[in-house]
Amino acid sequence: STLELPTSAPSPSLLPGGVGAGCWAPVRPIAAMEFPFDLSALVGVPQGHEGPCVGYVDERALSSSSRGTLATVLEEMGRASAVAQGLRKPVTFGSNLGDQRVYLLVDGDAALGLLK
């Protein structure tokens, strides 16, 4: 599917559980990686929001009840990122983030990108 990528930075707000989200209106099409669950809810997108949003995953979020689901997203996105960069192996994993954060650009069940 094709989704939109913003040209301006989001206004992040810290949400409970170590998850933050910043949302905006779409302006440019990009490709997406879809999952069989609602990513927006997992990364703290406000209920009722439509369109892309940036949320972050940290060790606290991975320790929550959604751990397996978030770990799956990070594993799949890490593999896709490694392929896109021509790396032999991924550098982003779905476990043991330590003091790092992974920012995910999501839209419903679609992951549009990540930044570690």
PDB file of N, CA and C in Angstrom:
ATOM      1  N   SER A   1       0.838  -1.183   0.000  1.00  0.00           N
ATOM      2  CA  SER A   1       0.000   0.000   0.000  1.00  0.00           C
ATOM      3  C   SER A   1       0.878   1.239   0.000  1.00  0.00           C
ATOM      4  N   THR A   2       0.310   2.356  -0.399  1.00  0.00           N
ATOM      5  CA  THR A   2       1.038   3.612  -0.426  1.00  0.00           C
ATOM      6  C   THR A   2       0.465   4.541   0.623  1.00  0.00           C
ATOM      7  N   LEU A   3       1.339   5.106   1.455  1.00  0.00           N
ATOM      8  CA  LEU A   3       0.917   6.024   2.500  1.00  0.00           C
ATOM      9  C   LEU A   3       1.665   7.330   2.341  1.00  0.00           C
ATOM     10  N   GLU A   4       1.406   8.249   3.217  1.00  0.00           N
ATOM     11  CA  GLU A   4       1.979   9.582   3.119  1.00  0.00           C
ATOM     12  C   GLU A   4       3.036   9.829   4.188  1.00  0.00           C
ATOM     13  N   LEU A   5       4.071  10.572   3.837  1.00  0.00           N
ATOM     14  CA  LEU A   5       5.141  10.937   4.764  1.00  0.00           C
ATOM     15  C   LEU A   5       5.116  12.437   4.964  1.00  0.00           C
ATOM     16  N   PRO A   6       5.213  12.908   6.197  1.00  0.00           N
ATOM     17  CA  PRO A   6       5.136  14.343   6.466  1.00  0.00           C
ATOM     18  C   PRO A   6       6.393  15.082   6.048  1.00  0.00           C
ATOM     19  N   THR A   7       6.218  16.380   5.829  1.00  0.00           N
ATOM     20  CA  THR A   7       7.377  17.217   5.545  1.00  0.00           C
ATOM     21  C   THR A   7       7.765  18.043   6.754  1.00  0.00           C
ATOM     22  N   SER A   8       6.944  18.040   7.787  1.00  0.00           N
ATOM     23  CA  SER A   8       7.279  18.769   9.005  1.00  0.00           C
ATOM     24  C   SER A   8       7.384  17.807  10.177  1.00  0.00           C
ATOM     25  N   ALA A   9       8.084  18.220  11.204  1.00  0.00           N
ATOM     26  CA  ALA A   9       8.291  17.364  12.372  1.00  0.00           C
ATOM     27  C   ALA A   9       7.025  17.279  13.203  1.00  0.00           C
ATOM     28  N   PRO A  10       6.807  16.136  13.857  1.00  0.00           N
ATOM     29  CA  PRO A  10       5.639  15.980  14.710  1.00  0.00           C
ATOM     30  C   PRO A  10       5.812  16.720  16.027  1.00  0.00           C
ATOM     31  N   SER A  11       4.725  16.885  16.730  1.00  0.00           N
ATOM     32  CA  SER A  11       4.764  17.435  18.083  1.00  0.00           C
ATOM     33  C   SER A  11       4.613  16.277  19.043  1.00  0.00           C
ATOM     34  N   PRO A  12       5.738  15.732  19.540  1.00  0.00           N
ATOM     35  CA  PRO A  12       5.645  14.540  20.382  1.00  0.00           C
ATOM     36  C   PRO A  12       5.026  14.833  21.742  1.00  0.00           C
ATOM     37  N   SER A  13       4.340  13.837  22.260  1.00  0.00           N
ATOM     38  CA  SER A  13       3.824  13.907  23.619  1.00  0.00           C
ATOM     39  C   SER A  13       4.136  12.580  24.288  1.00  0.00           C
ATOM     40  N   LEU A  14       4.629  12.615  25.506  1.00  0.00           N
ATOM     41  CA  LEU A  14       4.985  11.395  26.213  1.00  0.00           C
ATOM     42  C   LEU A  14       3.725  10.737  26.744  1.00  0.00           C
ATOM     43  N   LEU A  15       3.560   9.474  26.436  1.00  0.00           N
ATOM     44  CA  LEU A  15       2.398   8.725  26.884  1.00  0.00           C
ATOM     45  C   LEU A  15       2.840   7.665  27.879  1.00  0.00           C
ATOM     46  N   PRO A  16       1.927   7.156  28.716  1.00  0.00           N
ATOM     47  CA  PRO A  16       2.297   6.148  29.721  1.00  0.00           C
ATOM     48  C   PRO A  16       2.927   4.909  29.100  1.00  0.00           C
ATOM     49  N   GLY A  17       3.773   4.248  29.853  1.00  0.00           N
ATOM     50  CA  GLY A  17       4.340   2.981  29.419  1.00  0.00           C
ATOM     51  C   GLY A  17       5.596   3.103  28.586  1.00  0.00           C
ATOM     52  N   GLY A  18       6.263   4.247  28.600  1.00  0.00           N
ATOM     53  CA  GLY A  18       7.500   4.382  27.851  1.00  0.00           C
ATOM     54  C   GLY A  18       7.272   4.511  26.356  1.00  0.00           C
ATOM     55  N   VAL A  19       6.104   4.972  25.969  1.00  0.00           N
ATOM     56  CA  VAL A  19       5.784   5.110  24.556  1.00  0.00           C
ATOM     57  C   VAL A  19       5.404   6.550  24.313  1.00  0.00           C
ATOM     58  N   GLY A  20       5.944   7.142  23.265  1.00  0.00           N
ATOM     59  CA  GLY A  20       5.593   8.507  22.911  1.00  0.00           C
ATOM     60  C   GLY A  20       5.107   8.542  21.487  1.00  0.00           C
ATOM     61  N   ALA A  21       4.272   9.491  21.145  1.00  0.00           N
ATOM     62  CA  ALA A  21       3.748   9.569  19.789  1.00  0.00           C
ATOM     63  C   ALA A  21       3.661  11.022  19.356  1.00  0.00           C
ATOM     64  N   GLY A  22       3.965  11.275  18.091  1.00  0.00           N
ATOM     65  CA  GLY A  22       3.786  12.575  17.478  1.00  0.00           C
ATOM     66  C   GLY A  22       3.099  12.358  16.148  1.00  0.00           C
ATOM     67  N   CYS A  23       2.061  13.112  15.862  1.00  0.00           N
ATOM     68  CA  CYS A  23       1.245  12.851  14.677  1.00  0.00           C
ATOM     69  C   CYS A  23       1.154  14.093  13.792  1.00  0.00           C
ATOM     70  N   TRP A  24       0.849  13.887  12.519  1.00  0.00           N
ATOM     71  CA  TRP A  24       0.706  14.981  11.567  1.00  0.00           C
ATOM     72  C   TRP A  24      -0.107  14.532  10.380  1.00  0.00           C
ATOM     73  N   ALA A  25      -0.381  15.463   9.505  1.00  0.00           N
ATOM     74  CA  ALA A  25      -1.138  15.154   8.290  1.00  0.00           C
ATOM     75  C   ALA A  25      -0.186  14.682   7.195  1.00  0.00           C
ATOM     76  N   PRO A  26      -0.603  13.715   6.366  1.00  0.00           N
ATOM     77  CA  PRO A  26       0.251  13.168   5.309  1.00  0.00           C
ATOM     78  C   PRO A  26       0.433  14.110   4.126  1.00  0.00           C
ATOM     79  N   VAL A  27       1.611  13.989   3.451  1.00  0.00           N
ATOM     80  CA  VAL A  27       1.841  14.822   2.270  1.00  0.00           C
ATOM     81  C   VAL A  27       2.595  14.148   1.122  1.00  0.00           C
ATOM     82  N   ARG A  28       3.260  12.989   1.321  1.00  0.00           N
ATOM     83  CA  ARG A  28       4.053  12.372   0.256  1.00  0.00           C
ATOM     84  C   ARG A  28       3.954  10.850   0.351  1.00  0.00           C
ATOM     85  N   PRO A  29       3.698  10.126  -0.769  1.00  0.00           N
ATOM     86  CA  PRO A  29       3.530   8.677  -0.712  1.00  0.00           C
ATOM     87  C   PRO A  29       4.834   7.912  -0.454  1.00  0.00           C
ATOM     88  N   ILE A  30       4.738   6.816   0.359  1.00  0.00           N
ATOM     89  CA  ILE A  30       5.850   5.892   0.588  1.00  0.00           C
ATOM     90  C   ILE A  30       5.299   4.471   0.726  1.00  0.00           C
ATOM     91  N   ALA A  31       6.172   3.470   0.681  1.00  0.00           N
ATOM     92  CA  ALA A  31       5.758   2.073   0.829  1.00  0.00           C
ATOM     93  C   ALA A  31       5.653   1.709   2.310  1.00  0.00           C
ATOM     94  N   ALA A  32       4.880   0.649   2.625  1.00  0.00           N
ATOM     95  CA  ALA A  32       4.657   0.252   4.010  1.00  0.00           C
ATOM     96  C   ALA A  32       4.871  -1.241   4.199  1.00  0.00           C
ATOM     97  N   MET A  33       5.205  -1.648   5.444  1.00  0.00           N
ATOM     98  CA  MET A  33       5.276  -3.057   5.841  1.00  0.00           C
ATOM     99  C   MET A  33       4.092  -3.291   6.771  1.00  0.00           C
ATOM    100  N   GLU A  34       3.154  -4.140   6.348  1.00  0.00           N
ATOM    101  CA  GLU A  34       1.937  -4.340   7.132  1.00  0.00           C
ATOM    102  C   GLU A  34       2.056  -5.534   8.079  1.00  0.00           C
ATOM    103  N   PHE A  35       1.396  -5.412   9.232  1.00  0.00           N
ATOM    104  CA  PHE A  35       1.379  -6.453  10.260  1.00  0.00           C
ATOM    105  C   PHE A  35      -0.068  -6.795  10.587  1.00  0.00           C
ATOM    106  N   PRO A  36      -0.319  -7.991  11.147  1.00  0.00           N
ATOM    107  CA  PRO A  36      -1.693  -8.409  11.451  1.00  0.00           C
ATOM    108  C   PRO A  36      -2.199  -7.885  12.805  1.00  0.00           C
ATOM    109  N   PHE A  37      -1.745  -6.706  13.225  1.00  0.00           N
ATOM    110  CA  PHE A  37      -2.203  -6.107  14.481  1.00  0.00           C
ATOM    111  C   PHE A  37      -2.056  -4.604  14.370  1.00  0.00           C
ATOM    112  N   ASP A  38      -2.687  -3.879  15.282  1.00  0.00           N
ATOM    113  CA  ASP A  38      -2.710  -2.416  15.256  1.00  0.00           C
ATOM    114  C   ASP A  38      -1.434  -1.838  15.873  1.00  0.00           C
ATOM    115  N   LEU A  39      -0.507  -1.436  15.028  1.00  0.00           N
ATOM    116  CA  LEU A  39       0.746  -0.848  15.504  1.00  0.00           C
ATOM    117  C   LEU A  39       0.525   0.502  16.166  1.00  0.00           C
ATOM    118  N   SER A  40      -0.406   1.267  15.649  1.00  0.00           N
ATOM    119  CA  SER A  40      -0.660   2.594  16.215  1.00  0.00           C
ATOM    120  C   SER A  40      -0.972   2.504  17.706  1.00  0.00           C
ATOM    121  N   ALA A  41      -1.809   1.550  18.088  1.00  0.00           N
ATOM    122  CA  ALA A  41      -2.155   1.382  19.506  1.00  0.00           C
ATOM    123  C   ALA A  41      -0.933   0.970  20.320  1.00  0.00           C
ATOM    124  N   LEU A  42      -0.065   0.148  19.746  1.00  0.00           N
ATOM    125  CA  LEU A  42       1.108  -0.341  20.479  1.00  0.00           C
ATOM    126  C   LEU A  42       2.125   0.752  20.774  1.00  0.00           C
ATOM    127  N   VAL A  43       2.215   1.758  19.917  1.00  0.00           N
ATOM    128  CA  VAL A  43       3.213   2.819  20.129  1.00  0.00           C
ATOM    129  C   VAL A  43       2.597   4.102  20.680  1.00  0.00           C
ATOM    130  N   GLY A  44       1.351   4.016  21.157  1.00  0.00           N
ATOM    131  CA  GLY A  44       0.763   5.143  21.872  1.00  0.00           C
ATOM    132  C   GLY A  44       0.104   6.211  21.042  1.00  0.00           C
ATOM    133  N   VAL A  45      -0.316   5.899  19.826  1.00  0.00           N
ATOM    134  CA  VAL A  45      -1.027   6.886  19.010  1.00  0.00           C
ATOM    135  C   VAL A  45      -2.374   7.165  19.681  1.00  0.00           C
ATOM    136  N   PRO A  46      -2.743   8.439  19.811  1.00  0.00           N
ATOM    137  CA  PRO A  46      -4.024   8.762  20.448  1.00  0.00           C
ATOM    138  C   PRO A  46      -5.197   8.098  19.727  1.00  0.00           C
ATOM    139  N   GLN A  47      -6.129   7.549  20.506  1.00  0.00           N
ATOM    140  CA  GLN A  47      -7.286   6.875  19.943  1.00  0.00           C
ATOM    141  C   GLN A  47      -8.074   7.841  19.061  1.00  0.00           C
ATOM    142  N   GLY A  48      -8.481   7.363  17.903  1.00  0.00           N
ATOM    143  CA  GLY A  48      -9.239   8.180  16.969  1.00  0.00           C
ATOM    144  C   GLY A  48      -8.382   8.925  15.960  1.00  0.00           C
ATOM    145  N   HIS A  49      -7.062   8.947  16.166  1.00  0.00           N
ATOM    146  CA  HIS A  49      -6.180   9.629  15.207  1.00  0.00           C
ATOM    147  C   HIS A  49      -6.129   8.840  13.904  1.00  0.00           C
ATOM    148  N   GLU A  50      -6.185   9.539  12.802  1.00  0.00           N
ATOM    149  CA  GLU A  50      -6.045   8.902  11.493  1.00  0.00           C
ATOM    150  C   GLU A  50      -4.802   9.453  10.810  1.00  0.00           C
ATOM    151  N   GLY A  51      -4.057   8.580  10.141  1.00  0.00           N
ATOM    152  CA  GLY A  51      -2.859   8.989   9.424  1.00  0.00           C
ATOM    153  C   GLY A  51      -1.596   8.586  10.161  1.00  0.00           C
ATOM    154  N   PRO A  52      -0.445   8.869   9.561  1.00  0.00           N
ATOM    155  CA  PRO A  52       0.852   8.470  10.130  1.00  0.00           C
ATOM    156  C   PRO A  52       1.149   9.140  11.468  1.00  0.00           C
ATOM    157  N   CYS A  53       1.900   8.435  12.290  1.00  0.00           N
ATOM    158  CA  CYS A  53       2.310   8.926  13.596  1.00  0.00           C
ATOM    159  C   CYS A  53       3.665   8.312  13.946  1.00  0.00           C
ATOM    160  N   VAL A  54       4.479   9.047  14.683  1.00  0.00           N
ATOM    161  CA  VAL A  54       5.749   8.517  15.171  1.00  0.00           C
ATOM    162  C   VAL A  54       5.580   8.149  16.638  1.00  0.00           C
ATOM    163  N   GLY A  55       5.966   6.938  16.970  1.00  0.00           N
ATOM    164  CA  GLY A  55       5.981   6.494  18.350  1.00  0.00           C
ATOM    165  C   GLY A  55       7.337   5.882  18.624  1.00  0.00           C
ATOM    166  N   TYR A  56       7.680   5.734  19.895  1.00  0.00           N
ATOM    167  CA  TYR A  56       8.962   5.102  20.179  1.00  0.00           C
ATOM    168  C   TYR A  56       8.783   3.883  21.061  1.00  0.00           C
ATOM    169  N   VAL A  57       9.743   2.979  20.905  1.00  0.00           N
ATOM    170  CA  VAL A  57       9.794   1.760  21.701  1.00  0.00           C
ATOM    171  C   VAL A  57      11.100   1.805  22.480  1.00  0.00           C
ATOM    172  N   ASP A  58      10.999   1.584  23.779  1.00  0.00           N
ATOM    173  CA  ASP A  58      12.194   1.495  24.612  1.00  0.00           C
ATOM    174  C   ASP A  58      12.122   0.196  25.414  1.00  0.00           C
ATOM    175  N   GLU A  59      13.089  -0.026  26.277  1.00  0.00           N
ATOM    176  CA  GLU A  59      13.138  -1.268  27.044  1.00  0.00           C
ATOM    177  C   GLU A  59      11.887  -1.459  27.890  1.00  0.00           C
ATOM    178  N   ARG A  60      11.365  -0.368  28.440  1.00  0.00           N
ATOM    179  CA  ARG A  60      10.149  -0.457  29.256  1.00  0.00           C
ATOM    180  C   ARG A  60       8.962  -0.923  28.420  1.00  0.00           C
ATOM    181  N   ALA A  61       8.832  -0.421  27.205  1.00  0.00           N
ATOM    182  CA  ALA A  61       7.741  -0.855  26.323  1.00  0.00           C
ATOM    183  C   ALA A  61       7.911  -2.325  25.942  1.00  0.00           C
ATOM    184  N   LEU A  62       9.155  -2.747  25.716  1.00  0.00           N
ATOM    185  CA  LEU A  62       9.401  -4.154  25.388  1.00  0.00           C
ATOM    186  C   LEU A  62       9.100  -5.068  26.568  1.00  0.00           C
ATOM    187  N   SER A  63       9.164  -4.558  27.790  1.00  0.00           N
ATOM    188  CA  SER A  63       8.886  -5.346  28.983  1.00  0.00           C
ATOM    189  C   SER A  63       7.392  -5.455  29.273  1.00  0.00           C
ATOM    190  N   SER A  64       6.581  -4.701  28.545  1.00  0.00           N
ATOM    191  CA  SER A  64       5.139  -4.688  28.796  1.00  0.00           C
ATOM    192  C   SER A  64       4.461  -5.919  28.203  1.00  0.00           C
ATOM    193  N   SER A  65       3.155  -5.952  28.315  1.00  0.00           N
ATOM    194  CA  SER A  65       2.378  -7.093  27.820  1.00  0.00           C
ATOM    195  C   SER A  65       2.442  -7.237  26.302  1.00  0.00           C
ATOM    196  N   SER A  66       2.795  -6.183  25.595  1.00  0.00           N
ATOM    197  CA  SER A  66       2.876  -6.244  24.130  1.00  0.00           C
ATOM    198  C   SER A  66       4.276  -6.623  23.651  1.00  0.00           C
ATOM    199  N   ARG A  67       5.130  -7.089  24.548  1.00  0.00           N
ATOM    200  CA  ARG A  67       6.531  -7.407  24.241  1.00  0.00           C
ATOM    201  C   ARG A  67       6.698  -8.247  22.979  1.00  0.00           C
ATOM    202  N   GLY A  68       5.995  -9.369  22.880  1.00  0.00           N
ATOM    203  CA  GLY A  68       6.160 -10.245  21.724  1.00  0.00           C
ATOM    204  C   GLY A  68       5.790  -9.570  20.425  1.00  0.00           C
ATOM    205  N   THR A  69       4.731  -8.789  20.460  1.00  0.00           N
ATOM    206  CA  THR A  69       4.275  -8.099  19.265  1.00  0.00           C
ATOM    207  C   THR A  69       5.275  -7.023  18.836  1.00  0.00           C
ATOM    208  N   LEU A  70       5.711  -6.198  19.775  1.00  0.00           N
ATOM    209  CA  LEU A  70       6.695  -5.157  19.459  1.00  0.00           C
ATOM    210  C   LEU A  70       8.022  -5.765  19.020  1.00  0.00           C
ATOM    211  N   ALA A  71       8.420  -6.864  19.663  1.00  0.00           N
ATOM    212  CA  ALA A  71       9.661  -7.536  19.283  1.00  0.00           C
ATOM    213  C   ALA A  71       9.575  -8.031  17.843  1.00  0.00           C
ATOM    214  N   THR A  72       8.430  -8.572  17.449  1.00  0.00           N
ATOM    215  CA  THR A  72       8.234  -9.040  16.071  1.00  0.00           C
ATOM    216  C   THR A  72       8.392  -7.895  15.085  1.00  0.00           C
ATOM    217  N   VAL A  73       7.787  -6.751  15.392  1.00  0.00           N
ATOM    218  CA  VAL A  73       7.887  -5.580  14.518  1.00  0.00           C
ATOM    219  C   VAL A  73       9.338  -5.152  14.372  1.00  0.00           C
ATOM    220  N   LEU A  74      10.054  -5.043  15.499  1.00  0.00           N
ATOM    221  CA  LEU A  74      11.455  -4.612  15.440  1.00  0.00           C
ATOM    222  C   LEU A  74      12.322  -5.612  14.683  1.00  0.00           C
ATOM    223  N   GLU A  75      12.077  -6.903  14.871  1.00  0.00           N
ATOM    224  CA  GLU A  75      12.841  -7.936  14.144  1.00  0.00           C
ATOM    225  C   GLU A  75      12.619  -7.813  12.636  1.00  0.00           C
ATOM    226  N   GLU A  76      11.364  -7.723  12.222  1.00  0.00           N
ATOM    227  CA  GLU A  76      11.044  -7.635  10.795  1.00  0.00           C
ATOM    228  C   GLU A  76      11.567  -6.337  10.175  1.00  0.00           C
ATOM    229  N   MET A  77      11.380  -5.234  10.877  1.00  0.00           N
ATOM    230  CA  MET A  77      11.866  -3.949  10.372  1.00  0.00           C
ATOM    231  C   MET A  77      13.397  -3.934  10.335  1.00  0.00           C
ATOM    232  N   GLY A  78      14.040  -4.545  11.327  1.00  0.00           N
ATOM    233  CA  GLY A  78      15.496  -4.628  11.355  1.00  0.00           C
ATOM    234  C   GLY A  78      16.037  -5.418  10.177  1.00  0.00           C
ATOM    235  N   ARG A  79      15.376  -6.539   9.859  1.00  0.00           N
ATOM    236  CA  ARG A  79      15.802  -7.339   8.695  1.00  0.00           C
ATOM    237  C   ARG A  79      15.630  -6.548   7.394  1.00  0.00           C
ATOM    238  N   ALA A  80      14.485  -5.891   7.248  1.00  0.00           N
ATOM    239  CA  ALA A  80      14.239  -5.113   6.034  1.00  0.00           C
ATOM    240  C   ALA A  80      15.228  -3.950   5.917  1.00  0.00           C
ATOM    241  N   SER A  81      15.548  -3.331   7.029  1.00  0.00           N
ATOM    242  CA  SER A  81      16.515  -2.232   7.025  1.00  0.00           C
ATOM    243  C   SER A  81      17.902  -2.715   6.608  1.00  0.00           C
ATOM    244  N   ALA A  82      18.304  -3.874   7.117  1.00  0.00           N
ATOM    245  CA  ALA A  82      19.614  -4.437   6.751  1.00  0.00           C
ATOM    246  C   ALA A  82      19.685  -4.714   5.254  1.00  0.00           C
ATOM    247  N   VAL A  83      18.626  -5.280   4.696  1.00  0.00           N
ATOM    248  CA  VAL A  83      18.588  -5.548   3.248  1.00  0.00           C
ATOM    249  C   VAL A  83      18.677  -4.241   2.471  1.00  0.00           C
ATOM    250  N   ALA A  84      17.900  -3.245   2.884  1.00  0.00           N
ATOM    251  CA  ALA A  84      17.890  -1.957   2.186  1.00  0.00           C
ATOM    252  C   ALA A  84      19.254  -1.273   2.224  1.00  0.00           C
ATOM    253  N   GLN A  85      20.007  -1.490   3.307  1.00  0.00           N
ATOM    254  CA  GLN A  85      21.331  -0.874   3.447  1.00  0.00           C
ATOM    255  C   GLN A  85      22.461  -1.748   2.924  1.00  0.00           C
ATOM    256  N   GLY A  86      22.124  -2.956   2.459  1.00  0.00           N
ATOM    257  CA  GLY A  86      23.147  -3.862   1.962  1.00  0.00           C
ATOM    258  C   GLY A  86      24.027  -4.444   3.063  1.00  0.00           C
ATOM    259  N   LEU A  87      23.491  -4.557   4.270  1.00  0.00           N
ATOM    260  CA  LEU A  87      24.254  -5.117   5.391  1.00  0.00           C
ATOM    261  C   LEU A  87      24.131  -6.635   5.407  1.00  0.00           C
ATOM    262  N   ARG A  88      25.116  -7.313   5.943  1.00  0.00           N
ATOM    263  CA  ARG A  88      25.078  -8.778   6.022  1.00  0.00           C
ATOM    264  C   ARG A  88      24.095  -9.269   7.073  1.00  0.00           C
ATOM    265  N   LYS A  89      23.907  -8.473   8.132  1.00  0.00           N
ATOM    266  CA  LYS A  89      22.980  -8.872   9.187  1.00  0.00           C
ATOM    267  C   LYS A  89      22.332  -7.622   9.782  1.00  0.00           C
ATOM    268  N   PRO A  90      21.161  -7.781  10.393  1.00  0.00           N
ATOM    269  CA  PRO A  90      20.469  -6.636  10.998  1.00  0.00           C
ATOM    270  C   PRO A  90      21.248  -6.040  12.173  1.00  0.00           C
ATOM    271  N   VAL A  91      21.018  -4.761  12.420  1.00  0.00           N
ATOM    272  CA  VAL A  91      21.598  -4.098  13.587  1.00  0.00           C
ATOM    273  C   VAL A  91      20.508  -3.690  14.579  1.00  0.00           C
ATOM    274  N   THR A  92      19.247  -3.895  14.210  1.00  0.00           N
ATOM    275  CA  THR A  92      18.118  -3.626  15.101  1.00  0.00           C
ATOM    276  C   THR A  92      17.426  -4.945  15.402  1.00  0.00           C
ATOM    277  N   PHE A  93      17.238  -5.228  16.676  1.00  0.00           N
ATOM    278  CA  PHE A  93      16.632  -6.481  17.118  1.00  0.00           C
ATOM    279  C   PHE A  93      15.443  -6.195  18.018  1.00  0.00           C
ATOM    280  N   GLY A  94      14.596  -7.188  18.206  1.00  0.00           N
ATOM    281  CA  GLY A  94      13.409  -7.038  19.034  1.00  0.00           C
ATOM    282  C   GLY A  94      13.620  -7.392  20.483  1.00  0.00           C
ATOM    283  N   SER A  95      14.850  -7.326  20.941  1.00  0.00           N
ATOM    284  CA  SER A  95      15.126  -7.636  22.340  1.00  0.00           C
ATOM    285  C   SER A  95      16.294  -6.806  22.840  1.00  0.00           C
ATOM    286  N   ASN A  96      16.310  -6.601  24.148  1.00  0.00           N
ATOM    287  CA  ASN A  96      17.429  -5.952  24.812  1.00  0.00           C
ATOM    288  C   ASN A  96      17.861  -4.631  24.173  1.00  0.00           C
ATOM    289  N   LEU A  97      16.999  -3.631  24.238  1.00  0.00           N
ATOM    290  CA  LEU A  97      17.345  -2.308  23.719  1.00  0.00           C
ATOM    291  C   LEU A  97      18.261  -1.537  24.664  1.00  0.00           C
ATOM    292  N   GLY A  98      18.306  -1.968  25.920  1.00  0.00           N
ATOM    293  CA  GLY A  98      19.129  -1.248  26.895  1.00  0.00           C
ATOM    294  C   GLY A  98      18.611   0.160  27.070  1.00  0.00           C
ATOM    295  N   ASP A  99      19.489   1.159  26.922  1.00  0.00           N
ATOM    296  CA  ASP A  99      19.066   2.550  27.079  1.00  0.00           C
ATOM    297  C   ASP A  99      18.735   3.210  25.738  1.00  0.00           C
ATOM    298  N   GLN A 100      18.598   2.421  24.688  1.00  0.00           N
ATOM    299  CA  GLN A 100      18.279   2.962  23.365  1.00  0.00           C
ATOM    300  C   GLN A 100      16.774   3.013  23.146  1.00  0.00           C
ATOM    301  N   ARG A 101      16.366   3.858  22.191  1.00  0.00           N
ATOM    302  CA  ARG A 101      14.983   3.937  21.736  1.00  0.00           C
ATOM    303  C   ARG A 101      14.958   3.657  20.243  1.00  0.00           C
ATOM    304  N   VAL A 102      13.866   3.070  19.794  1.00  0.00           N
ATOM    305  CA  VAL A 102      13.622   2.891  18.372  1.00  0.00           C
ATOM    306  C   VAL A 102      12.355   3.667  18.053  1.00  0.00           C
ATOM    307  N   TYR A 103      12.449   4.596  17.119  1.00  0.00           N
ATOM    308  CA  TYR A 103      11.294   5.389  16.701  1.00  0.00           C
ATOM    309  C   TYR A 103      10.661   4.711  15.496  1.00  0.00           C
ATOM    310  N   LEU A 104       9.354   4.518  15.545  1.00  0.00           N
ATOM    311  CA  LEU A 104       8.618   3.878  14.457  1.00  0.00           C
ATOM    312  C   LEU A 104       7.617   4.857  13.870  1.00  0.00           C
ATOM    313  N   LEU A 105       7.607   4.966  12.551  1.00  0.00           N
ATOM    314  CA  LEU A 105       6.579   5.713  11.844  1.00  0.00           C
ATOM    315  C   LEU A 105       5.524   4.694  11.464  1.00  0.00           C
ATOM    316  N   VAL A 106       4.320   4.830  12.016  1.00  0.00           N
ATOM    317  CA  VAL A 106       3.257   3.846  11.815  1.00  0.00           C
ATOM    318  C   VAL A 106       1.985   4.531  11.325  1.00  0.00           C
ATOM    319  N   ASP A 107       1.131   3.708  10.720  1.00  0.00           N
ATOM    320  CA  ASP A 107      -0.204   4.149  10.320  1.00  0.00           C
ATOM    321  C   ASP A 107      -1.121   2.940  10.427  1.00  0.00           C
ATOM    322  N   GLY A 108      -1.830   2.828  11.533  1.00  0.00           N
ATOM    323  CA  GLY A 108      -2.690   1.669  11.776  1.00  0.00           C
ATOM    324  C   GLY A 108      -1.855   0.409  11.934  1.00  0.00           C
ATOM    325  N   ASP A 109      -2.053  -0.547  11.000  1.00  0.00           N
ATOM    326  CA  ASP A 109      -1.293  -1.800  11.054  1.00  0.00           C
ATOM    327  C   ASP A 109      -0.036  -1.770  10.194  1.00  0.00           C
ATOM    328  N   ALA A 110       0.312  -0.606   9.667  1.00  0.00           N
ATOM    329  CA  ALA A 110       1.464  -0.486   8.756  1.00  0.00           C
ATOM    330  C   ALA A 110       2.632   0.221   9.421  1.00  0.00           C
ATOM    331  N   ALA A 111       3.823  -0.367   9.280  1.00  0.00           N
ATOM    332  CA  ALA A 111       5.064   0.278   9.714  1.00  0.00           C
ATOM    333  C   ALA A 111       5.673   0.922   8.473  1.00  0.00           C
ATOM    334  N   LEU A 112       5.905   2.210   8.557  1.00  0.00           N
ATOM    335  CA  LEU A 112       6.416   2.965   7.408  1.00  0.00           C
ATOM    336  C   LEU A 112       7.910   3.192   7.478  1.00  0.00           C
ATOM    337  N   GLY A 113       8.489   3.111   8.671  1.00  0.00           N
ATOM    338  CA  GLY A 113       9.925   3.314   8.809  1.00  0.00           C
ATOM    339  C   GLY A 113      10.348   3.238  10.262  1.00  0.00           C
ATOM    340  N   LEU A 114      11.654   3.175  10.473  1.00  0.00           N
ATOM    341  CA  LEU A 114      12.199   3.167  11.824  1.00  0.00           C
ATOM    342  C   LEU A 114      13.495   3.936  11.860  1.00  0.00           C
ATOM    343  N   LEU A 115      13.804   4.429  13.048  1.00  0.00           N
ATOM    344  CA  LEU A 115      15.066   5.132  13.303  1.00  0.00           C
ATOM    345  C   LEU A 115      15.537   4.663  14.664  1.00  0.00           C
ATOM    346  N   LYS A 116      16.774   4.166  14.708  1.00  0.00           N
ATOM    347  CA  LYS A 116      17.335   3.693  15.971  1.00  0.00           C
ATOM    348  C   LYS A 116      18.400   4.668  16.425  1.00  0.00           C
TER     349      LYS A 116
END
